[in-house]
PDB file of N, CA and C in Angstrom:
ATOM      1  N   MET A   1      -4.769  19.281   0.361  1.00  0.00           N
ATOM      2  CA  MET A   1      -3.676  18.744   1.140  1.00  0.00           C
ATOM      3  C   MET A   1      -4.279  17.911   2.275  1.00  0.00           C
ATOM      4  N   GLN A   2      -5.480  17.965   2.538  1.00  0.00           N
ATOM      5  CA  GLN A   2      -6.131  17.139   3.671  1.00  0.00           C
ATOM      6  C   GLN A   2      -5.951  15.678   3.439  1.00  0.00           C
ATOM      7  N   ASP A   3      -5.871  15.249   2.100  1.00  0.00           N
ATOM      8  CA  ASP A   3      -5.704  13.809   1.862  1.00  0.00           C
ATOM      9  C   ASP A   3      -4.403  13.277   2.414  1.00  0.00           C
ATOM     10  N   LYS A   4      -3.284  14.058   2.157  1.00  0.00           N
ATOM     11  CA  LYS A   4      -2.003  13.634   2.617  1.00  0.00           C
ATOM     12  C   LYS A   4      -1.921  13.586   4.138  1.00  0.00           C
ATOM     13  N   GLU A   5      -2.412  14.636   4.760  1.00  0.00           N
ATOM     14  CA  GLU A   5      -2.407  14.613   6.232  1.00  0.00           C
ATOM     15  C   GLU A   5      -3.225  13.458   6.818  1.00  0.00           C
ATOM     16  N   PHE A   6      -4.403  13.247   6.209  1.00  0.00           N
ATOM     17  CA  PHE A   6      -5.305  12.100   6.697  1.00  0.00           C
ATOM     18  C   PHE A   6      -4.479  10.765   6.517  1.00  0.00           C
ATOM     19  N   LEU A   7      -3.965  10.553   5.331  1.00  0.00           N
ATOM     20  CA  LEU A   7      -3.197   9.277   5.099  1.00  0.00           C
ATOM     21  C   LEU A   7      -2.062   9.094   6.086  1.00  0.00           C
ATOM     22  N   GLU A   8      -1.329  10.187   6.323  1.00  0.00           N
ATOM     23  CA  GLU A   8      -0.209  10.156   7.236  1.00  0.00           C
ATOM     24  C   GLU A   8      -0.665   9.729   8.673  1.00  0.00           C
ATOM     25  N   TYR A   9      -1.776  10.386   9.131  1.00  0.00           N
ATOM     26  CA  TYR A   9      -2.300  10.131  10.481  1.00  0.00           C
ATOM     27  C   TYR A   9      -2.762   8.595  10.520  1.00  0.00           C
ATOM     28  N   VAL A  10      -3.452   8.203   9.576  1.00  0.00           N
ATOM     29  CA  VAL A  10      -4.034   6.777   9.614  1.00  0.00           C
ATOM     30  C   VAL A  10      -2.836   5.737   9.578  1.00  0.00           C
ATOM     31  N   VAL A  11      -1.969   5.935   8.622  1.00  0.00           N
ATOM     32  CA  VAL A  11      -0.903   4.937   8.499  1.00  0.00           C
ATOM     33  C   VAL A  11       0.073   4.911   9.621  1.00  0.00           C
ATOM     34  N   LYS A  12       0.433   6.060  10.147  1.00  0.00           N
ATOM     35  CA  LYS A  12       1.343   6.115  11.273  1.00  0.00           C
ATOM     36  C   LYS A  12       0.714   5.524  12.527  1.00  0.00           C
ATOM     37  N   SER A  13      -0.611   5.563  12.576  1.00  0.00           N
ATOM     38  CA  SER A  13      -1.376   4.876  13.728  1.00  0.00           C
ATOM     39  C   SER A  13      -1.326   3.372  13.544  1.00  0.00           C
ATOM     40  N   LEU A  14      -1.291   2.822  12.299  1.00  0.00           N
ATOM     41  CA  LEU A  14      -1.260   1.418  12.093  1.00  0.00           C
ATOM     42  C   LEU A  14       0.030   0.722  12.234  1.00  0.00           C
ATOM     43  N   VAL A  15       1.166   1.382  11.903  1.00  0.00           N
ATOM     44  CA  VAL A  15       2.410   0.724  11.813  1.00  0.00           C
ATOM     45  C   VAL A  15       3.216   0.693  13.112  1.00  0.00           C
ATOM     46  N   ASP A  16       4.177  -0.144  13.114  1.00  0.00           N
ATOM     47  CA  ASP A  16       5.151  -0.197  14.298  1.00  0.00           C
ATOM     48  C   ASP A  16       6.344   0.790  14.169  1.00  0.00           C
ATOM     49  N   ASN A  17       6.584   1.122  12.920  1.00  0.00           N
ATOM     50  CA  ASN A  17       7.721   2.086  12.583  1.00  0.00           C
ATOM     51  C   ASN A  17       7.253   3.348  11.897  1.00  0.00           C
ATOM     52  N   PRO A  18       6.521   4.243  12.695  1.00  0.00           N
ATOM     53  CA  PRO A  18       6.006   5.479  12.074  1.00  0.00           C
ATOM     54  C   PRO A  18       7.000   6.387  11.429  1.00  0.00           C
ATOM     55  N   ASP A  19       8.246   6.351  11.945  1.00  0.00           N
ATOM     56  CA  ASP A  19       9.266   7.181  11.433  1.00  0.00           C
ATOM     57  C   ASP A  19       9.691   6.793   9.981  1.00  0.00           C
ATOM     58  N   ASP A  20       9.410   5.608   9.624  1.00  0.00           N
ATOM     59  CA  ASP A  20       9.776   5.079   8.322  1.00  0.00           C
ATOM     60  C   ASP A  20       8.693   5.390   7.218  1.00  0.00           C
ATOM     61  N   VAL A  21       7.562   5.930   7.614  1.00  0.00           N
ATOM     62  CA  VAL A  21       6.486   6.274   6.673  1.00  0.00           C
ATOM     63  C   VAL A  21       6.870   7.535   5.817  1.00  0.00           C
ATOM     64  N   LYS A  22       6.851   7.313   4.550  1.00  0.00           N
ATOM     65  CA  LYS A  22       7.184   8.433   3.602  1.00  0.00           C
ATOM     66  C   LYS A  22       6.041   8.635   2.657  1.00  0.00           C
ATOM     67  N   ILE A  23       5.489   9.766   2.501  1.00  0.00           N
ATOM     68  CA  ILE A  23       4.381   9.991   1.639  1.00  0.00           C
ATOM     69  C   ILE A  23       4.664  11.228   0.735  1.00  0.00           C
ATOM     70  N   ASP A  24       4.443  10.972  -0.589  1.00  0.00           N
ATOM     71  CA  ASP A  24       4.662  12.114  -1.524  1.00  0.00           C
ATOM     72  C   ASP A  24       3.372  12.252  -2.231  1.00  0.00           C
ATOM     73  N   ARG A  25       3.123  13.517  -2.580  1.00  0.00           N
ATOM     74  CA  ARG A  25       1.797  13.893  -3.266  1.00  0.00           C
ATOM     75  C   ARG A  25       2.080  14.618  -4.481  1.00  0.00           C
ATOM     76  N   THR A  26       1.599  14.161  -5.646  1.00  0.00           N
ATOM     77  CA  THR A  26       1.719  14.882  -6.871  1.00  0.00           C
ATOM     78  C   THR A  26       0.396  15.117  -7.512  1.00  0.00           C
ATOM     79  N   VAL A  27       0.252  16.214  -8.187  1.00  0.00           N
ATOM     80  CA  VAL A  27      -1.009  16.584  -8.905  1.00  0.00           C
ATOM     81  C   VAL A  27      -0.700  16.744 -10.402  1.00  0.00           C
ATOM     82  N   ASP A  28      -1.480  16.123 -11.255  1.00  0.00           N
ATOM     83  CA  ASP A  28      -1.410  16.285 -12.667  1.00  0.00           C
ATOM     84  C   ASP A  28      -2.778  16.350 -13.282  1.00  0.00           C
ATOM     85  N   GLU A  29      -2.939  16.264 -14.599  1.00  0.00           N
ATOM     86  CA  GLU A  29      -4.231  16.365 -15.232  1.00  0.00           C
ATOM     87  C   GLU A  29      -5.140  15.147 -14.879  1.00  0.00           C
ATOM     88  N   MET A  30      -4.538  13.994 -14.467  1.00  0.00           N
ATOM     89  CA  MET A  30      -5.292  12.893 -14.050  1.00  0.00           C
ATOM     90  C   MET A  30      -5.872  12.954 -12.664  1.00  0.00           C
ATOM     91  N   GLY A  31      -5.323  13.925 -11.880  1.00  0.00           N
ATOM     92  CA  GLY A  31      -5.823  14.056 -10.481  1.00  0.00           C
ATOM     93  C   GLY A  31      -4.642  14.032  -9.499  1.00  0.00           C
ATOM     94  N   VAL A  32      -4.884  13.554  -8.319  1.00  0.00           N
ATOM     95  CA  VAL A  32      -3.809  13.500  -7.280  1.00  0.00           C
ATOM     96  C   VAL A  32      -3.343  12.121  -7.145  1.00  0.00           C
ATOM     97  N   LEU A  33      -2.008  12.033  -7.119  1.00  0.00           N
ATOM     98  CA  LEU A  33      -1.389  10.658  -6.882  1.00  0.00           C
ATOM     99  C   LEU A  33      -0.580  10.732  -5.617  1.00  0.00           C
ATOM    100  N   ILE A  34      -0.930   9.917  -4.639  1.00  0.00           N
ATOM    101  CA  ILE A  34      -0.230   9.845  -3.367  1.00  0.00           C
ATOM    102  C   ILE A  34       0.583   8.588  -3.419  1.00  0.00           C
ATOM    103  N   THR A  35       1.924   8.736  -3.207  1.00  0.00           N
ATOM    104  CA  THR A  35       2.813   7.610  -3.192  1.00  0.00           C
ATOM    105  C   THR A  35       3.267   7.432  -1.815  1.00  0.00           C
ATOM    106  N   MET A  36       3.175   6.190  -1.282  1.00  0.00           N
ATOM    107  CA  MET A  36       3.570   5.882   0.140  1.00  0.00           C
ATOM    108  C   MET A  36       4.494   4.753   0.163  1.00  0.00           C
ATOM    109  N   SER A  37       5.484   4.914   1.086  1.00  0.00           N
ATOM    110  CA  SER A  37       6.463   3.845   1.455  1.00  0.00           C
ATOM    111  C   SER A  37       6.504   3.665   2.959  1.00  0.00           C
ATOM    112  N   VAL A  38       6.532   2.405   3.331  1.00  0.00           N
ATOM    113  CA  VAL A  38       6.565   2.067   4.787  1.00  0.00           C
ATOM    114  C   VAL A  38       7.719   1.015   4.996  1.00  0.00           C
ATOM    115  N   ASN A  39       8.056   0.825   6.181  1.00  0.00           N
ATOM    116  CA  ASN A  39       8.983  -0.209   6.536  1.00  0.00           C
ATOM    117  C   ASN A  39       8.504  -1.558   6.048  1.00  0.00           C
ATOM    118  N   GLN A  40       9.440  -2.413   5.595  1.00  0.00           N
ATOM    119  CA  GLN A  40       9.081  -3.708   5.125  1.00  0.00           C
ATOM    120  C   GLN A  40       8.251  -4.499   6.148  1.00  0.00           C
ATOM    121  N   ALA A  41       8.638  -4.428   7.342  1.00  0.00           N
ATOM    122  CA  ALA A  41       7.960  -5.154   8.485  1.00  0.00           C
ATOM    123  C   ALA A  41       6.495  -4.746   8.647  1.00  0.00           C
ATOM    124  N   ASP A  42       6.185  -3.496   8.157  1.00  0.00           N
ATOM    125  CA  ASP A  42       4.808  -3.052   8.356  1.00  0.00           C
ATOM    126  C   ASP A  42       3.920  -3.194   7.119  1.00  0.00           C
ATOM    127  N   MET A  43       4.401  -3.792   6.056  1.00  0.00           N
ATOM    128  CA  MET A  43       3.643  -3.945   4.849  1.00  0.00           C
ATOM    129  C   MET A  43       2.321  -4.728   5.110  1.00  0.00           C
ATOM    130  N   GLY A  44       2.458  -5.795   5.840  1.00  0.00           N
ATOM    131  CA  GLY A  44       1.257  -6.617   6.130  1.00  0.00           C
ATOM    132  C   GLY A  44       0.195  -5.832   6.803  1.00  0.00           C
ATOM    133  N   LYS A  45       0.562  -4.933   7.711  1.00  0.00           N
ATOM    134  CA  LYS A  45      -0.469  -4.080   8.435  1.00  0.00           C
ATOM    135  C   LYS A  45      -1.156  -3.183   7.480  1.00  0.00           C
ATOM    136  N   ILE A  46      -0.386  -2.656   6.530  1.00  0.00           N
ATOM    137  CA  ILE A  46      -0.986  -1.687   5.576  1.00  0.00           C
ATOM    138  C   ILE A  46      -1.836  -2.341   4.554  1.00  0.00           C
ATOM    139  N   ILE A  47      -1.398  -3.497   4.074  1.00  0.00           N
ATOM    140  CA  ILE A  47      -2.146  -4.303   3.078  1.00  0.00           C
ATOM    141  C   ILE A  47      -3.389  -4.885   3.686  1.00  0.00           C
ATOM    142  N   GLY A  48      -3.233  -5.554   4.809  1.00  0.00           N
ATOM    143  CA  GLY A  48      -4.293  -6.221   5.560  1.00  0.00           C
ATOM    144  C   GLY A  48      -4.646  -7.626   4.876  1.00  0.00           C
ATOM    145  N   ARG A  49      -5.585  -8.273   5.480  1.00  0.00           N
ATOM    146  CA  ARG A  49      -5.951  -9.587   5.003  1.00  0.00           C
ATOM    147  C   ARG A  49      -6.708  -9.367   3.675  1.00  0.00           C
ATOM    148  N   GLN A  50      -6.183 -10.072   2.659  1.00  0.00           N
ATOM    149  CA  GLN A  50      -6.739 -10.005   1.267  1.00  0.00           C
ATOM    150  C   GLN A  50      -6.798  -8.576   0.751  1.00  0.00           C
ATOM    151  N   GLY A  51      -5.956  -7.706   1.291  1.00  0.00           N
ATOM    152  CA  GLY A  51      -5.880  -6.291   0.809  1.00  0.00           C
ATOM    153  C   GLY A  51      -6.994  -5.426   1.285  1.00  0.00           C
ATOM    154  N   ASN A  52      -7.698  -5.904   2.362  1.00  0.00           N
ATOM    155  CA  ASN A  52      -8.893  -5.116   2.788  1.00  0.00           C
ATOM    156  C   ASN A  52      -8.480  -3.734   3.450  1.00  0.00           C
ATOM    157  N   THR A  53      -7.379  -3.740   4.158  1.00  0.00           N
ATOM    158  CA  THR A  53      -6.913  -2.495   4.804  1.00  0.00           C
ATOM    159  C   THR A  53      -6.576  -1.485   3.748  1.00  0.00           C
ATOM    160  N   ALA A  54      -5.839  -1.884   2.711  1.00  0.00           N
ATOM    161  CA  ALA A  54      -5.392  -0.981   1.677  1.00  0.00           C
ATOM    162  C   ALA A  54      -6.617  -0.535   0.872  1.00  0.00           C
ATOM    163  N   LYS A  55      -7.623  -1.401   0.636  1.00  0.00           N
ATOM    164  CA  LYS A  55      -8.842  -0.981  -0.069  1.00  0.00           C
ATOM    165  C   LYS A  55      -9.622   0.033   0.711  1.00  0.00           C
ATOM    166  N   ALA A  56      -9.722  -0.171   2.027  1.00  0.00           N
ATOM    167  CA  ALA A  56     -10.385   0.789   2.907  1.00  0.00           C
ATOM    168  C   ALA A  56      -9.764   2.173   2.942  1.00  0.00           C
ATOM    169  N   ILE A  57      -8.375   2.188   2.973  1.00  0.00           N
ATOM    170  CA  ILE A  57      -7.693   3.448   2.961  1.00  0.00           C
ATOM    171  C   ILE A  57      -7.973   4.138   1.603  1.00  0.00           C
ATOM    172  N   ARG A  58      -7.899   3.398   0.506  1.00  0.00           N
ATOM    173  CA  ARG A  58      -8.126   3.945  -0.852  1.00  0.00           C
ATOM    174  C   ARG A  58      -9.513   4.601  -0.892  1.00  0.00           C
ATOM    175  N   THR A  59     -10.510   3.844  -0.410  1.00  0.00           N
ATOM    176  CA  THR A  59     -11.878   4.321  -0.441  1.00  0.00           C
ATOM    177  C   THR A  59     -12.027   5.639   0.328  1.00  0.00           C
ATOM    178  N   LEU A  60     -11.440   5.679   1.576  1.00  0.00           N
ATOM    179  CA  LEU A  60     -11.543   6.875   2.350  1.00  0.00           C
ATOM    180  C   LEU A  60     -10.805   8.077   1.646  1.00  0.00           C
ATOM    181  N   LEU A  61      -9.665   7.816   1.011  1.00  0.00           N
ATOM    182  CA  LEU A  61      -8.996   8.854   0.231  1.00  0.00           C
ATOM    183  C   LEU A  61      -9.835   9.366  -0.882  1.00  0.00           C
ATOM    184  N   ARG A  62     -10.526   8.466  -1.593  1.00  0.00           N
ATOM    185  CA  ARG A  62     -11.498   8.873  -2.689  1.00  0.00           C
ATOM    186  C   ARG A  62     -12.585   9.806  -2.172  1.00  0.00           C
ATOM    187  N   VAL A  63     -13.146   9.433  -1.022  1.00  0.00           N
ATOM    188  CA  VAL A  63     -14.182  10.229  -0.377  1.00  0.00           C
ATOM    189  C   VAL A  63     -13.657  11.632  -0.115  1.00  0.00           C
ATOM    190  N   ILE A  64     -12.509  11.737   0.509  1.00  0.00           N
ATOM    191  CA  ILE A  64     -11.845  13.023   0.741  1.00  0.00           C
ATOM    192  C   ILE A  64     -11.647  13.788  -0.555  1.00  0.00           C
ATOM    193  N   GLY A  65     -11.247  13.052  -1.566  1.00  0.00           N
ATOM    194  CA  GLY A  65     -11.066  13.725  -2.831  1.00  0.00           C
ATOM    195  C   GLY A  65     -12.308  14.218  -3.433  1.00  0.00           C
ATOM    196  N   MET A  66     -13.381  13.496  -3.292  1.00  0.00           N
ATOM    197  CA  MET A  66     -14.665  13.843  -3.926  1.00  0.00           C
ATOM    198  C   MET A  66     -15.168  15.116  -3.149  1.00  0.00           C
ATOM    199  N   LYS A  67     -14.869  15.321  -1.919  1.00  0.00           N
ATOM    200  CA  LYS A  67     -15.266  16.485  -1.155  1.00  0.00           C
ATOM    201  C   LYS A  67     -14.549  17.703  -1.659  1.00  0.00           C
ATOM    202  N   ASN A  68     -13.316  17.435  -2.283  1.00  0.00           N
ATOM    203  CA  ASN A  68     -12.516  18.555  -2.808  1.00  0.00           C
ATOM    204  C   ASN A  68     -12.424  18.565  -4.306  1.00  0.00           C
ATOM    205  N   ASN A  69     -13.428  17.868  -4.889  1.00  0.00           N
ATOM    206  CA  ASN A  69     -13.517  17.816  -6.415  1.00  0.00           C
ATOM    207  C   ASN A  69     -12.176  17.350  -7.058  1.00  0.00           C
ATOM    208  N   ALA A  70     -11.568  16.356  -6.513  1.00  0.00           N
ATOM    209  CA  ALA A  70     -10.301  15.759  -6.994  1.00  0.00           C
ATOM    210  C   ALA A  70     -10.383  14.296  -7.023  1.00  0.00           C
ATOM    211  N   ARG A  71      -9.688  13.670  -7.996  1.00  0.00           N
ATOM    212  CA  ARG A  71      -9.549  12.204  -8.046  1.00  0.00           C
ATOM    213  C   ARG A  71      -8.288  11.869  -7.355  1.00  0.00           C
ATOM    214  N   VAL A  72      -8.334  11.091  -6.308  1.00  0.00           N
ATOM    215  CA  VAL A  72      -7.168  10.777  -5.499  1.00  0.00           C
ATOM    216  C   VAL A  72      -6.886   9.265  -5.608  1.00  0.00           C
ATOM    217  N   ASN A  73      -5.687   8.996  -5.994  1.00  0.00           N
ATOM    218  CA  ASN A  73      -5.218   7.553  -6.088  1.00  0.00           C
ATOM    219  C   ASN A  73      -4.030   7.355  -5.202  1.00  0.00           C
ATOM    220  N   LEU A  74      -3.910   6.097  -4.663  1.00  0.00           N
ATOM    221  CA  LEU A  74      -2.790   5.717  -3.697  1.00  0.00           C
ATOM    222  C   LEU A  74      -2.025   4.695  -4.306  1.00  0.00           C
ATOM    223  N   LYS A  75      -0.706   4.850  -4.366  1.00  0.00           N
ATOM    224  CA  LYS A  75       0.274   3.884  -4.748  1.00  0.00           C
ATOM    225  C   LYS A  75       1.060   3.521  -3.571  1.00  0.00           C
ATOM    226  N   ILE A  76       1.117   2.209  -3.291  1.00  0.00           N
ATOM    227  CA  ILE A  76       1.983   1.772  -2.111  1.00  0.00           C
ATOM    228  C   ILE A  76       3.168   1.061  -2.716  1.00  0.00           C
ATOM    229  N   ASN A  77       4.400   1.671  -2.458  1.00  0.00           N
ATOM    230  CA  ASN A  77       5.582   1.200  -2.941  1.00  0.00           C
ATOM    231  C   ASN A  77       6.067  -0.069  -2.284  1.00  0.00           C
ATOM    232  N   GLU A  78       6.541  -1.094  -3.104  1.00  0.00           N
ATOM    233  CA  GLU A  78       7.119  -2.263  -2.578  1.00  0.00           C
ATOM    234  C   GLU A  78       8.418  -1.960  -1.892  1.00  0.00           C
ATOM    235  N   PRO A  79       8.674  -2.336  -0.597  1.00  0.00           N
ATOM    236  CA  PRO A  79       9.945  -2.044  -0.033  1.00  0.00           C
ATOM    237  C   PRO A  79      11.030  -2.824  -0.639  1.00  0.00           C
ATOM    238  N   GLU A  80      12.277  -2.255  -0.522  1.00  0.00           N
ATOM    239  CA  GLU A  80      13.548  -2.956  -1.120  1.00  0.00           C
ATOM    240  C   GLU A  80      13.625  -4.279  -0.389  1.00  0.00           C
ATOM    241  N   GLY A  81      13.940  -5.318  -1.123  1.00  0.00           N
ATOM    242  CA  GLY A  81      14.063  -6.624  -0.502  1.00  0.00           C
ATOM    243  C   GLY A  81      12.806  -7.232  -0.116  1.00  0.00           C
ATOM    244  N   GLY A  82      11.655  -6.837  -0.820  1.00  0.00           N
ATOM    245  CA  GLY A  82      10.348  -7.317  -0.485  1.00  0.00           C
ATOM    246  C   GLY A  82      10.274  -8.883  -0.798  1.00  0.00           C
ATOM    247  N   MET A  83       9.255  -9.455  -0.488  1.00  0.00           N
ATOM    248  CA  MET A  83       9.124 -10.932  -0.617  1.00  0.00           C
ATOM    249  C   MET A  83       8.309 -11.249  -1.839  1.00  0.00           C
ATOM    250  N   LYS A  84       8.649 -10.663  -3.035  1.00  0.00           N
ATOM    251  CA  LYS A  84       7.987 -11.007  -4.230  1.00  0.00           C
ATOM    252  C   LYS A  84       8.525 -12.291  -4.705  1.00  0.00           C
ATOM    253  N   MET A  85       7.520 -13.225  -5.083  1.00  0.00           N
ATOM    254  CA  MET A  85       7.889 -14.499  -5.683  1.00  0.00           C
ATOM    255  C   MET A  85       7.531 -14.429  -7.096  1.00  0.00           C
ATOM    256  N   SER A  86       8.364 -15.049  -7.929  1.00  0.00           N
ATOM    257  CA  SER A  86       8.056 -15.139  -9.322  1.00  0.00           C
ATOM    258  C   SER A  86       7.101 -16.363  -9.401  1.00  0.00           C
ATOM    259  N   GLY A  87       6.206 -16.332 -10.403  1.00  0.00           N
ATOM    260  CA  GLY A  87       5.253 -17.397 -10.607  1.00  0.00           C
ATOM    261  C   GLY A  87       5.958 -18.675 -10.832  1.00  0.00           C
ATOM    262  N   ALA A  88       7.036 -18.694 -11.605  1.00  0.00           N
ATOM    263  CA  ALA A  88       7.633 -19.954 -12.053  1.00  0.00           C
ATOM    264  C   ALA A  88       8.229 -20.691 -10.793  1.00  0.00           C
ATOM    265  N   SER A  89       8.875 -19.952  -9.936  1.00  0.00           N
ATOM    266  CA  SER A  89       9.559 -20.574  -8.856  1.00  0.00           C
ATOM    267  C   SER A  89       8.538 -21.137  -7.826  1.00  0.00           C
ATOM    268  N   SER A  90       7.402 -20.482  -7.637  1.00  0.00           N
ATOM    269  CA  SER A  90       6.407 -21.018  -6.720  1.00  0.00           C
ATOM    270  C   SER A  90       5.698 -22.262  -7.304  1.00  0.00           C
ATOM    271  N   VAL A  91       5.574 -22.279  -8.599  1.00  0.00           N
ATOM    272  CA  VAL A  91       5.026 -23.462  -9.252  1.00  0.00           C
ATOM    273  C   VAL A  91       5.956 -24.662  -9.098  1.00  0.00           C
ATOM    274  N   GLU A  92       7.191 -24.378  -9.388  1.00  0.00           N
ATOM    275  CA  GLU A  92       8.284 -25.464  -9.261  1.00  0.00           C
ATOM    276  C   GLU A  92       8.296 -25.934  -7.772  1.00  0.00           C
ATOM    277  N   ALA A  93       8.241 -25.094  -6.843  1.00  0.00           N
ATOM    278  CA  ALA A  93       8.310 -25.472  -5.440  1.00  0.00           C
ATOM    279  C   ALA A  93       7.057 -26.320  -5.091  1.00  0.00           C
ATOM    280  N   ALA A  94       5.947 -25.925  -5.627  1.00  0.00           N
ATOM    281  CA  ALA A  94       4.697 -26.710  -5.323  1.00  0.00           C
ATOM    282  C   ALA A  94       4.846 -28.160  -5.982  1.00  0.00           C
ATOM    283  N   MET A  95       5.369 -28.209  -7.183  1.00  0.00           N
ATOM    284  CA  MET A  95       5.557 -29.543  -7.818  1.00  0.00           C
ATOM    285  C   MET A  95       6.502 -30.386  -7.016  1.00  0.00           C
ATOM    286  N   GLU A  96       7.613 -29.810  -6.475  1.00  0.00           N
ATOM    287  CA  GLU A  96       8.536 -30.540  -5.686  1.00  0.00           C
ATOM    288  C   GLU A  96       7.819 -31.096  -4.397  1.00  0.00           C
ATOM    289  N   ASP A  97       6.972 -30.252  -3.848  1.00  0.00           N
ATOM    290  CA  ASP A  97       6.253 -30.682  -2.597  1.00  0.00           C
ATOM    291  C   ASP A  97       5.334 -31.839  -2.885  1.00  0.00           C
ATOM    292  N   LEU A  98       4.662 -31.837  -4.094  1.00  0.00           N
ATOM    293  CA  LEU A  98       3.820 -32.898  -4.557  1.00  0.00           C
ATOM    294  C   LEU A  98       4.581 -34.166  -4.774  1.00  0.00           C
ATOM    295  N   LYS A  99       5.770 -34.109  -5.283  1.00  0.00           N
ATOM    296  CA  LYS A  99       6.557 -35.251  -5.575  1.00  0.00           C
ATOM    297  C   LYS A  99       6.933 -35.962  -4.293  1.00  0.00           C
ATOM    298  N   GLY A 100       7.150 -35.221  -3.198  1.00  0.00           N
ATOM    299  CA  GLY A 100       7.538 -35.774  -1.930  1.00  0.00           C
ATOM    300  C   GLY A 100       6.420 -36.576  -1.183  1.00  0.00           C
ATOM    301  N   ILE A 101       5.143 -36.298  -1.719  1.00  0.00           N
ATOM    302  CA  ILE A 101       4.015 -36.948  -1.082  1.00  0.00           C
ATOM    303  C   ILE A 101       3.947 -38.474  -1.368  1.00  0.00           C
TER     304      ILE A 101
END
């Protein structure tokens, strides 16, 4: 359970809305899966530039897992109303921009 407490401490220290951090921990034959949700406004802080913050958090969780002989994985849930763009619309938008040049 140290992994969940560690993650909660780190993430709540990084975000502006610590009360919106939700962490669930499940264990199965594959190991430990920690699922985390944060406020949409805080997603950038958790992901970091080029995903570096998320990678670092995952690495630290794996180290904690190795100390406890467990495989630990982290899933970060996309917040509702997230800014996902479909590939087609972004390509079309880029083509429209090029036509205007």
